[in-house]
């Protein structure tokens, strides 16, 4: 009994110390909270109540809307956009609410993001665009196509499946403790963490990441309410569909995967392609 009491007392003491340290860290640190218009000098449009940052390429042809994944600003499409435009398309890439340089409004759900993509397309006069979604964005592309708004959904290194956040009890605990805020501030404010995450996503043969490249990813965390947006997403989990829901979809789709993707393996992509009755295309040498 003495040993058990000692262990319990030790655990309680550790929890108290860690909680106190977390509160102190949060009090000593703060979010930059820079208005997005000061961070991004590119184009904006109001979409479903969200000031949405975007890029565009091409002046004529069938429209394509590019939707990034988790924490992906529009610069990730800087090589893809011009090529699609050269192939005869009008191409638009937007930052979803919560990522890049769009405003953080929430609630960071599949429905909200799909609403944003629809409103964005309408604001720019795009009728029946082809929607390409990368990683988390794949589910958004599927939802927009399911509504009949998109001519086709292209799932790029994303299987469209949901991956829930913390269990309900854990989620409630996180919502009322300082730990999640501390963890997010540490991860988003530490270049080493960003570099490790990016290395796992890029193809093995990619050039080494330098400080400039890392800053292009982390600069978005200076945006007003950026970390609050991440907290919402962390609690909600990765949005998407179940296998059963995908099988019932009546949409035109294409699934494209990088052969060297170490974040999401091609097995999940092939399964989603079968569920959707879509073609599966693998790109040799490509990462996530």
Protein backbone atom coordinates (compact mmCIF):
# COMPACT_ATOMS: atom_id res chain seq x y z
CA UNK A 1 0.00 0.00 0.00
CA UNK A 2 2.85 2.36 0.81
CA UNK A 3 4.35 1.80 -2.67
CA UNK A 4 0.99 2.40 -4.38
CA UNK A 5 0.43 5.58 -2.39
CA UNK A 6 3.91 6.77 -3.30
CA UNK A 7 3.28 6.12 -7.02
CA UNK A 8 -0.09 7.88 -6.92
CA UNK A 9 1.42 10.85 -5.10
CA UNK A 10 4.27 10.97 -7.63
CA UNK A 11 1.88 10.91 -10.60
CA UNK A 12 -0.32 13.61 -9.07
CA UNK A 13 2.75 15.74 -8.36
CA UNK A 14 3.96 15.36 -11.95
CA UNK A 15 0.55 16.33 -13.32
CA UNK A 16 0.48 19.40 -11.09
CA UNK A 17 4.01 20.42 -12.11
CA UNK A 18 3.38 19.88 -15.84
CA UNK A 19 0.06 21.74 -15.65
CA UNK A 20 1.67 24.65 -13.82
CA UNK A 21 4.53 24.72 -16.34
CA UNK A 22 2.02 24.72 -19.19
CA UNK A 23 0.08 27.64 -17.69
CA UNK A 24 3.31 29.59 -17.16
CA UNK A 25 4.54 28.87 -20.70
CA UNK A 26 1.23 29.98 -22.18
CA UNK A 27 1.31 33.16 -20.10
CA UNK A 28 4.85 34.01 -21.23
CA UNK A 29 4.17 33.32 -24.91
CA UNK A 30 1.54 34.73 -27.20
CA UNK A 31 0.20 34.54 -30.72
CA UNK A 32 1.53 37.08 -33.22
CA UNK A 33 -2.02 37.90 -34.38
CA UNK A 34 -0.98 39.76 -37.54
CA UNK A 35 -3.91 40.61 -39.88
CA UNK A 36 -3.75 38.37 -42.95
CA UNK A 37 -3.68 41.35 -45.34
CA UNK A 38 -0.36 42.38 -43.78
CA UNK A 39 1.15 38.92 -44.25
CA UNK A 40 -0.14 38.16 -47.75
CA UNK A 41 0.22 40.76 -50.49
CA UNK A 42 -1.56 38.63 -53.06
CA UNK A 43 -5.24 38.40 -53.93
CA UNK A 44 -8.23 37.99 -51.60
CA UNK A 45 -11.92 37.37 -52.15
CA UNK A 46 -14.80 37.09 -49.68
CA UNK A 47 -16.05 33.50 -49.68
CA UNK A 48 -18.78 32.30 -47.29
CA UNK A 49 -17.87 35.07 -44.86
CA UNK A 50 -14.16 34.20 -44.94
CA UNK A 51 -11.58 36.57 -46.40
CA UNK A 52 -9.91 34.00 -48.64
CA UNK A 53 -6.35 34.23 -50.00
CA UNK A 54 -5.81 32.82 -53.47
CA UNK A 55 -3.59 32.63 -56.56
CA UNK A 56 -4.56 32.25 -60.19
CA UNK A 57 -2.98 31.23 -63.48
CA UNK A 58 -4.32 31.29 -67.03
CA UNK A 59 -7.03 33.41 -68.62
CA UNK A 60 -9.17 30.92 -70.53
CA UNK A 61 -10.31 27.33 -70.60
CA UNK A 62 -12.15 24.98 -68.23
CA UNK A 63 -11.67 26.04 -64.58
CA UNK A 64 -9.69 24.04 -62.02
CA UNK A 65 -9.78 24.82 -58.29
CA UNK A 66 -6.83 23.57 -56.22
CA UNK A 67 -7.50 22.85 -52.54
CA UNK A 68 -4.52 22.33 -50.24
CA UNK A 69 -4.23 19.94 -47.33
CA UNK A 70 -3.38 20.40 -43.67
CA UNK A 71 -1.33 23.59 -43.12
CA UNK A 72 -0.74 24.03 -46.87
CA UNK A 73 -0.53 27.61 -48.17
CA UNK A 74 -1.17 28.21 -51.87
CA UNK A 75 2.54 28.35 -52.71
CA UNK A 76 2.58 24.54 -52.79
CA UNK A 77 0.85 24.84 -56.19
CA UNK A 78 3.37 27.30 -57.67
CA UNK A 79 4.76 24.73 -60.12
CA UNK A 80 1.49 22.93 -60.79
CA UNK A 81 -0.65 25.99 -61.52
CA UNK A 82 1.36 27.32 -64.49
CA UNK A 83 1.55 23.86 -66.07
CA UNK A 84 -2.20 23.38 -65.87
CA UNK A 85 -2.68 26.87 -67.30
CA UNK A 86 -0.32 26.04 -70.18
CA UNK A 87 -2.47 22.97 -70.85
CA UNK A 88 -5.47 25.24 -71.45
CA UNK A 89 -7.11 25.79 -68.06
CA UNK A 90 -8.00 28.68 -65.78
CA UNK A 91 -6.45 27.64 -62.48
CA UNK A 92 -7.19 28.91 -58.98
CA UNK A 93 -5.64 27.87 -55.65
CA UNK A 94 -7.18 28.98 -52.35
CA UNK A 95 -6.25 28.75 -48.69
CA UNK A 96 -8.89 26.96 -46.65
CA UNK A 97 -10.14 28.65 -43.48
CA UNK A 98 -7.54 27.74 -40.84
CA UNK A 99 -4.55 27.46 -43.17
CA UNK A 100 -2.27 29.77 -45.12
CA UNK A 101 -3.37 33.40 -45.24
CA UNK A 102 -7.15 33.11 -45.22
CA UNK A 103 -9.03 34.39 -42.16
CA UNK A 104 -9.61 32.00 -39.26
CA UNK A 105 -13.35 31.79 -38.64
CA UNK A 106 -14.10 28.13 -37.97
CA UNK A 107 -15.63 25.74 -37.18
CA UNK A 108 -13.09 23.90 -39.43
CA UNK A 109 -15.48 21.20 -40.58
CA UNK A 110 -15.91 19.45 -43.90
CA UNK A 111 -19.17 21.28 -44.52
CA UNK A 112 -17.65 24.68 -43.80
CA UNK A 113 -14.66 24.09 -46.09
CA UNK A 114 -16.88 22.83 -48.91
CA UNK A 115 -19.10 25.91 -48.45
CA UNK A 116 -15.99 28.07 -48.72
CA UNK A 117 -14.85 26.38 -51.96
CA UNK A 118 -18.32 26.78 -53.46
CA UNK A 119 -18.59 30.44 -52.45
CA UNK A 120 -15.05 31.08 -53.71
CA UNK A 121 -15.90 29.57 -57.09
CA UNK A 122 -19.12 31.55 -57.37
CA UNK A 123 -17.38 34.80 -56.42
CA UNK A 124 -14.95 34.30 -59.31
CA UNK A 125 -17.64 33.16 -61.74
CA UNK A 126 -16.41 29.57 -62.05
CA UNK A 127 -19.09 27.18 -63.31
CA UNK A 128 -18.66 23.45 -62.67
CA UNK A 129 -14.93 23.60 -61.85
CA UNK A 130 -12.80 20.51 -61.53
CA UNK A 131 -11.75 20.45 -57.87
CA UNK A 132 -8.36 18.99 -56.98
CA UNK A 133 -7.84 18.30 -53.29
CA UNK A 134 -4.48 17.35 -51.81
CA UNK A 135 -4.30 15.22 -48.64
CA UNK A 136 -6.98 16.59 -46.27
CA UNK A 137 -8.28 18.64 -49.21
CA UNK A 138 -9.27 15.43 -51.01
CA UNK A 139 -12.32 15.01 -48.77
CA UNK A 140 -13.30 18.62 -49.48
CA UNK A 141 -13.09 17.95 -53.22
CA UNK A 142 -15.28 14.86 -52.81
CA UNK A 143 -17.88 16.80 -50.79
CA UNK A 144 -18.04 19.60 -53.37
CA UNK A 145 -18.50 17.00 -56.14
CA UNK A 146 -21.11 15.14 -54.08
CA UNK A 147 -23.18 18.31 -53.97
CA UNK A 148 -23.11 18.43 -57.77
CA UNK A 149 -21.09 21.65 -57.83
CA UNK A 150 -17.84 20.22 -59.27
CA UNK A 151 -17.46 18.50 -62.64
CA UNK A 152 -14.94 16.09 -61.12
CA UNK A 153 -13.08 15.49 -57.86
CA UNK A 154 -9.38 14.69 -58.03
CA UNK A 155 -8.01 13.11 -54.85
CA UNK A 156 -4.29 13.85 -54.71
CA UNK A 157 -2.50 11.82 -52.03
CA UNK A 158 -5.68 11.84 -49.96
CA UNK A 159 -8.09 8.96 -49.47
CA UNK A 160 -11.03 11.14 -48.41
CA UNK A 161 -11.53 9.19 -45.19
CA UNK A 162 -12.22 10.74 -41.81
CA UNK A 163 -9.77 10.28 -38.98
CA UNK A 164 -11.37 11.32 -35.72
CA UNK A 165 -9.81 13.60 -33.18
CA UNK A 166 -9.24 12.63 -29.57
CA UNK A 167 -11.89 10.47 -27.87
CA UNK A 168 -14.77 12.54 -26.52
CA UNK A 169 -13.56 12.52 -22.90
CA UNK A 170 -9.99 13.35 -23.93
CA UNK A 171 -11.30 16.11 -26.17
CA UNK A 172 -13.21 17.67 -23.28
CA UNK A 173 -10.12 17.46 -21.08
CA UNK A 174 -7.98 19.10 -23.77
CA UNK A 175 -10.57 21.83 -24.20
CA UNK A 176 -10.28 22.82 -20.53
CA UNK A 177 -6.55 22.40 -19.95
CA UNK A 178 -3.56 24.39 -21.23
CA UNK A 179 -1.76 21.37 -22.75
CA UNK A 180 -3.04 21.62 -26.32
CA UNK A 181 -2.20 25.31 -26.56
CA UNK A 182 1.30 24.65 -25.20
CA UNK A 183 1.90 21.77 -27.62
CA UNK A 184 0.75 23.76 -30.65
CA UNK A 185 2.82 26.80 -29.70
CA UNK A 186 5.91 24.64 -29.24
CA UNK A 187 5.43 22.81 -32.54
CA UNK A 188 4.57 25.87 -34.60
CA UNK A 189 7.27 28.05 -33.08
CA UNK A 190 10.12 25.59 -33.40
CA UNK A 191 11.75 25.25 -36.84
CA UNK A 192 13.20 21.84 -35.96
CA UNK A 193 9.70 20.39 -35.59
CA UNK A 194 8.57 21.93 -38.89
CA UNK A 195 11.64 20.58 -40.66
CA UNK A 196 11.04 17.04 -39.38
CA UNK A 197 7.41 17.11 -40.49
CA UNK A 198 8.27 18.46 -43.95
CA UNK A 199 11.04 15.90 -44.44
CA UNK A 200 8.57 13.10 -43.82
CA UNK A 201 6.22 14.54 -46.46
CA UNK A 202 8.67 15.33 -49.24
CA UNK A 203 10.13 12.78 -51.64
CA UNK A 204 13.52 11.32 -50.57
CA UNK A 205 15.31 12.86 -53.58
CA UNK A 206 14.16 16.40 -52.83
CA UNK A 207 16.76 19.08 -52.17
CA UNK A 208 17.51 19.78 -48.47
CA UNK A 209 15.15 22.15 -46.68
CA UNK A 210 16.67 25.54 -45.92
CA UNK A 211 15.52 28.32 -43.59
CA UNK A 212 13.76 30.18 -46.41
CA UNK A 213 11.70 27.15 -47.37
CA UNK A 214 10.76 26.42 -43.76
CA UNK A 215 9.71 30.05 -43.26
CA UNK A 216 7.34 29.79 -46.22
CA UNK A 217 5.50 27.12 -44.26
CA UNK A 218 5.68 28.61 -40.78
CA UNK A 219 4.96 32.26 -41.63
CA UNK A 220 1.23 31.44 -41.69
CA UNK A 221 1.31 30.87 -37.92
CA UNK A 222 1.76 34.61 -37.41
CA UNK A 223 -1.74 35.19 -38.80
CA UNK A 224 -4.46 36.42 -36.47
CA UNK A 225 -6.05 33.49 -34.56
CA UNK A 226 -3.85 30.95 -36.39
CA UNK A 227 -3.20 28.79 -33.36
CA UNK A 228 -6.84 28.94 -32.24
CA UNK A 229 -7.72 27.53 -35.64
CA UNK A 230 -5.24 24.70 -35.16
CA UNK A 231 -6.72 23.93 -31.76
CA UNK A 232 -10.16 23.50 -33.35
CA UNK A 233 -8.75 21.19 -36.00
CA UNK A 234 -6.81 19.15 -33.43
CA UNK A 235 -10.01 18.58 -31.48
CA UNK A 236 -12.12 17.77 -34.55
CA UNK A 237 -9.64 15.41 -36.18
CA UNK A 238 -9.20 14.89 -39.92
CA UNK A 239 -12.51 15.37 -41.69
CA UNK A 240 -13.79 13.00 -44.34
CA UNK A 241 -16.08 10.09 -45.13
CA UNK A 242 -16.47 6.44 -44.20
CA UNK A 243 -15.82 3.65 -46.71
CA UNK A 244 -19.56 3.01 -46.80
CA UNK A 245 -20.22 6.65 -47.72
CA UNK A 246 -17.59 6.64 -50.47
CA UNK A 247 -19.11 3.52 -52.03
CA UNK A 248 -22.48 5.25 -52.25
CA UNK A 249 -21.05 8.31 -54.00
CA UNK A 250 -22.22 8.96 -57.55
CA UNK A 251 -19.48 11.32 -58.65
CA UNK A 252 -16.82 11.53 -61.31
CA UNK A 253 -13.43 11.13 -59.64
CA UNK A 254 -9.73 10.44 -60.15
CA UNK A 255 -7.23 9.31 -57.50
CA UNK A 256 -3.55 10.26 -57.93
CA UNK A 257 -0.76 9.12 -55.59
CA UNK A 258 2.97 9.66 -55.16
CA UNK A 259 4.86 6.37 -55.25
CA UNK A 260 7.22 7.63 -52.51
CA UNK A 261 4.47 8.97 -50.23
CA UNK A 262 5.45 8.09 -46.66
CA UNK A 263 2.56 10.00 -45.03
CA UNK A 264 -0.33 8.07 -46.59
CA UNK A 265 0.42 4.81 -48.38
CA UNK A 266 -1.02 3.99 -51.78
CA UNK A 267 -3.05 1.08 -50.40
CA UNK A 268 -5.59 3.50 -48.91
CA UNK A 269 -5.68 5.45 -52.16
CA UNK A 270 -6.33 2.35 -54.23
CA UNK A 271 -9.14 1.35 -51.87
CA UNK A 272 -10.77 4.77 -52.21
CA UNK A 273 -10.44 4.57 -55.99
CA UNK A 274 -12.28 1.24 -55.94
CA UNK A 275 -14.96 2.64 -53.63
CA UNK A 276 -15.53 5.60 -55.95
CA UNK A 277 -15.23 3.61 -59.16
CA UNK A 278 -12.35 5.90 -60.11
CA UNK A 279 -9.07 5.43 -61.94
CA UNK A 280 -5.94 5.20 -59.77
CA UNK A 281 -2.75 6.83 -61.08
CA UNK A 282 0.63 6.50 -59.36
CA UNK A 283 3.44 9.00 -59.98
CA UNK A 284 6.94 7.42 -59.74
CA UNK A 285 9.41 9.28 -57.52
CA UNK A 286 6.79 11.62 -56.03
CA UNK A 287 6.29 12.03 -52.27
CA UNK A 288 3.27 13.33 -50.41
